[in-house]
C-alpha atoms as a PDB file:
ATOM      1  CA  UNK A   1     157.417 117.757  85.503  1.00  0.00           C
ATOM      2  CA  UNK A   2     159.061 114.357  85.055  1.00  0.00           C
ATOM      3  CA  UNK A   3     155.820 112.678  86.176  1.00  0.00           C
ATOM      4  CA  UNK A   4     154.293 113.760  82.846  1.00  0.00           C
ATOM      5  CA  UNK A   5     157.261 112.210  81.026  1.00  0.00           C
ATOM      6  CA  UNK A   6     156.695 109.009  83.013  1.00  0.00           C
ATOM      7  CA  UNK A   7     153.034 109.026  82.029  1.00  0.00           C
ATOM      8  CA  UNK A   8     154.004 109.508  78.381  1.00  0.00           C
ATOM      9  CA  UNK A   9     156.411 106.573  78.578  1.00  0.00           C
ATOM     10  CA  UNK A  10     153.692 104.446  80.211  1.00  0.00           C
ATOM     11  CA  UNK A  11     151.255 105.300  77.419  1.00  0.00           C
ATOM     12  CA  UNK A  12     153.737 104.574  74.627  1.00  0.00           C
ATOM     13  CA  UNK A  13     154.813 101.287  76.250  1.00  0.00           C
ATOM     14  CA  UNK A  14     151.174 100.223  76.600  1.00  0.00           C
ATOM     15  CA  UNK A  15     150.432 101.103  72.970  1.00  0.00           C
ATOM     16  CA  UNK A  16     153.450  99.113  71.774  1.00  0.00           C
ATOM     17  CA  UNK A  17     152.477  96.144  73.964  1.00  0.00           C
ATOM     18  CA  UNK A  18     148.852  96.200  72.845  1.00  0.00           C
ATOM     19  CA  UNK A  19     149.880  96.515  69.206  1.00  0.00           C
ATOM     20  CA  UNK A  20     152.161  93.487  69.567  1.00  0.00           C
ATOM     21  CA  UNK A  21     149.359  91.533  71.251  1.00  0.00           C
ATOM     22  CA  UNK A  22     147.621  90.994  67.899  1.00  0.00           C
ATOM     23  CA  UNK A  23     150.899  89.834  66.334  1.00  0.00           C
ATOM     24  CA  UNK A  24     151.570  87.423  69.209  1.00  0.00           C
ATOM     25  CA  UNK A  25     148.746  85.228  67.837  1.00  0.00           C
ATOM     26  CA  UNK A  26     147.514  84.201  71.268  1.00  0.00           C
ATOM     27  CA  UNK A  27     151.061  84.121  72.689  1.00  0.00           C
ATOM     28  CA  UNK A  28     152.102  81.446  70.178  1.00  0.00           C
ATOM     29  CA  UNK A  29     154.782  83.641  68.558  1.00  0.00           C
ATOM     30  CA  UNK A  30     157.798  84.324  70.780  1.00  0.00           C
ATOM     31  CA  UNK A  31     159.074  87.739  69.657  1.00  0.00           C
ATOM     32  CA  UNK A  32     155.727  89.573  69.746  1.00  0.00           C
ATOM     33  CA  UNK A  33     154.876  87.821  73.026  1.00  0.00           C
ATOM     34  CA  UNK A  34     158.092  89.097  74.611  1.00  0.00           C
ATOM     35  CA  UNK A  35     157.287  92.619  73.377  1.00  0.00           C
ATOM     36  CA  UNK A  36     153.827  92.346  74.959  1.00  0.00           C
ATOM     37  CA  UNK A  37     155.159  91.279  78.353  1.00  0.00           C
ATOM     38  CA  UNK A  38     158.004  93.807  78.435  1.00  0.00           C
ATOM     39  CA  UNK A  39     155.752  96.582  77.195  1.00  0.00           C
ATOM     40  CA  UNK A  40     153.153  96.009  79.892  1.00  0.00           C
ATOM     41  CA  UNK A  41     155.812  95.700  82.607  1.00  0.00           C
ATOM     42  CA  UNK A  42     157.280  99.052  81.525  1.00  0.00           C
ATOM     43  CA  UNK A  43     153.830 100.612  81.212  1.00  0.00           C
ATOM     44  CA  UNK A  44     152.785  99.662  84.727  1.00  0.00           C
ATOM     45  CA  UNK A  45     156.166 100.568  86.215  1.00  0.00           C
ATOM     46  CA  UNK A  46     156.091 104.071  84.742  1.00  0.00           C
ATOM     47  CA  UNK A  47     152.416 104.467  85.598  1.00  0.00           C
ATOM     48  CA  UNK A  48     153.280 103.618  89.207  1.00  0.00           C
ATOM     49  CA  UNK A  49     155.917 106.373  89.209  1.00  0.00           C
ATOM     50  CA  UNK A  50     153.370 108.794  87.779  1.00  0.00           C
ATOM     51  CA  UNK A  51     150.936 108.028  90.603  1.00  0.00           C
ATOM     52  CA  UNK A  52     153.344 109.518  93.144  1.00  0.00           C
ATOM     53  CA  UNK A  53     152.244 112.954  91.885  1.00  0.00           C
ATOM     54  CA  UNK A  54     149.193 112.663  89.626  1.00  0.00           C
ATOM     55  CA  UNK A  55     145.954 111.316  91.154  1.00  0.00           C
ATOM     56  CA  UNK A  56     145.083 107.841  89.906  1.00  0.00           C
ATOM     57  CA  UNK A  57     141.761 108.873  88.353  1.00  0.00           C
ATOM     58  CA  UNK A  58     143.370 111.646  86.329  1.00  0.00           C
ATOM     59  CA  UNK A  59     146.401 109.578  85.312  1.00  0.00           C
ATOM     60  CA  UNK A  60     144.239 106.658  84.251  1.00  0.00           C
ATOM     61  CA  UNK A  61     141.830 108.876  82.313  1.00  0.00           C
ATOM     62  CA  UNK A  62     144.736 110.357  80.367  1.00  0.00           C
ATOM     63  CA  UNK A  63     146.419 106.976  79.881  1.00  0.00           C
ATOM     64  CA  UNK A  64     143.243 105.259  78.737  1.00  0.00           C
ATOM     65  CA  UNK A  65     142.056 108.141  76.565  1.00  0.00           C
ATOM     66  CA  UNK A  66     145.303 108.656  74.710  1.00  0.00           C
ATOM     67  CA  UNK A  67     145.880 104.910  74.557  1.00  0.00           C
ATOM     68  CA  UNK A  68     142.524 104.383  72.828  1.00  0.00           C
ATOM     69  CA  UNK A  69     143.283 107.011  70.213  1.00  0.00           C
ATOM     70  CA  UNK A  70     146.848 105.836  69.614  1.00  0.00           C
ATOM     71  CA  UNK A  71     145.836 102.163  69.375  1.00  0.00           C
ATOM     72  CA  UNK A  72     143.123 103.067  66.866  1.00  0.00           C
ATOM     73  CA  UNK A  73     145.662 104.996  64.769  1.00  0.00           C
ATOM     74  CA  UNK A  74     148.210 102.161  64.937  1.00  0.00           C
ATOM     75  CA  UNK A  75     145.499  99.658  63.997  1.00  0.00           C
ATOM     76  CA  UNK A  76     144.539 101.840  61.048  1.00  0.00           C
ATOM     77  CA  UNK A  77     148.151 102.268  59.884  1.00  0.00           C
ATOM     78  CA  UNK A  78     149.439  98.726  60.471  1.00  0.00           C
ATOM     79  CA  UNK A  79     146.409  96.434  60.346  1.00  0.00           C
ATOM     80  CA  UNK A  80     144.187  98.366  57.949  1.00  0.00           C
ATOM     81  CA  UNK A  81     141.394  98.894  60.485  1.00  0.00           C
ATOM     82  CA  UNK A  82     138.694 101.148  59.089  1.00  0.00           C
ATOM     83  CA  UNK A  83     137.772 104.242  61.098  1.00  0.00           C
ATOM     84  CA  UNK A  84     134.360 105.610  60.210  1.00  0.00           C
ATOM     85  CA  UNK A  85     132.991 109.040  61.103  1.00  0.00           C
ATOM     86  CA  UNK A  86     131.426 107.978  64.433  1.00  0.00           C
ATOM     87  CA  UNK A  87     134.727 106.377  65.498  1.00  0.00           C
ATOM     88  CA  UNK A  88     136.664 109.513  64.594  1.00  0.00           C
ATOM     89  CA  UNK A  89     134.103 111.720  66.350  1.00  0.00           C
ATOM     90  CA  UNK A  90     134.310 109.567  69.477  1.00  0.00           C
ATOM     91  CA  UNK A  91     138.092 109.801  69.488  1.00  0.00           C
ATOM     92  CA  UNK A  92     137.853 113.571  69.075  1.00  0.00           C
ATOM     93  CA  UNK A  93     135.672 113.670  72.205  1.00  0.00           C
ATOM     94  CA  UNK A  94     138.244 111.566  74.060  1.00  0.00           C
ATOM     95  CA  UNK A  95     141.080 113.902  73.066  1.00  0.00           C
ATOM     96  CA  UNK A  96     138.929 116.882  74.054  1.00  0.00           C
ATOM     97  CA  UNK A  97     138.275 115.310  77.447  1.00  0.00           C
ATOM     98  CA  UNK A  98     141.975 114.684  78.028  1.00  0.00           C
ATOM     99  CA  UNK A  99     142.733 118.299  77.047  1.00  0.00           C
ATOM    100  CA  UNK A 100     140.080 119.612  79.445  1.00  0.00           C
ATOM    101  CA  UNK A 101     141.548 117.550  82.289  1.00  0.00           C
ATOM    102  CA  UNK A 102     145.055 118.813  81.564  1.00  0.00           C
ATOM    103  CA  UNK A 103     144.157 122.438  80.993  1.00  0.00           C
ATOM    104  CA  UNK A 104     141.459 123.097  83.568  1.00  0.00           C
ATOM    105  CA  UNK A 105     141.436 120.453  86.313  1.00  0.00           C
ATOM    106  CA  UNK A 106     143.098 121.381  89.602  1.00  0.00           C
ATOM    107  CA  UNK A 107     143.394 117.671  90.398  1.00  0.00           C
ATOM    108  CA  UNK A 108     145.721 116.992  87.456  1.00  0.00           C
ATOM    109  CA  UNK A 109     148.848 117.432  89.577  1.00  0.00           C
ATOM    110  CA  UNK A 110     150.174 120.574  87.910  1.00  0.00           C
END
């Protein structure tokens, strides 16, 4: 069960790193740049631990899918990014796909 925790940590670390990437201003600002580097190091480390149990295709689909949705929500909340109906519908499909993988796929490492 801890492999799912590791995947969650990897996703959150990647979202934090990607969010800080905009603030790093092309790696010209030190603090956000450090957050980016540390966040991605943590994300890939915990993803590597996850891959001991969960197949890479499934883990990456979940990581990418949830990462897309979370980044869009962070961008909306912090940077004022507009999310129109097609964007929200697309994210709903992504979340649905991740749920289907987790609930019904035998390859999800349950």
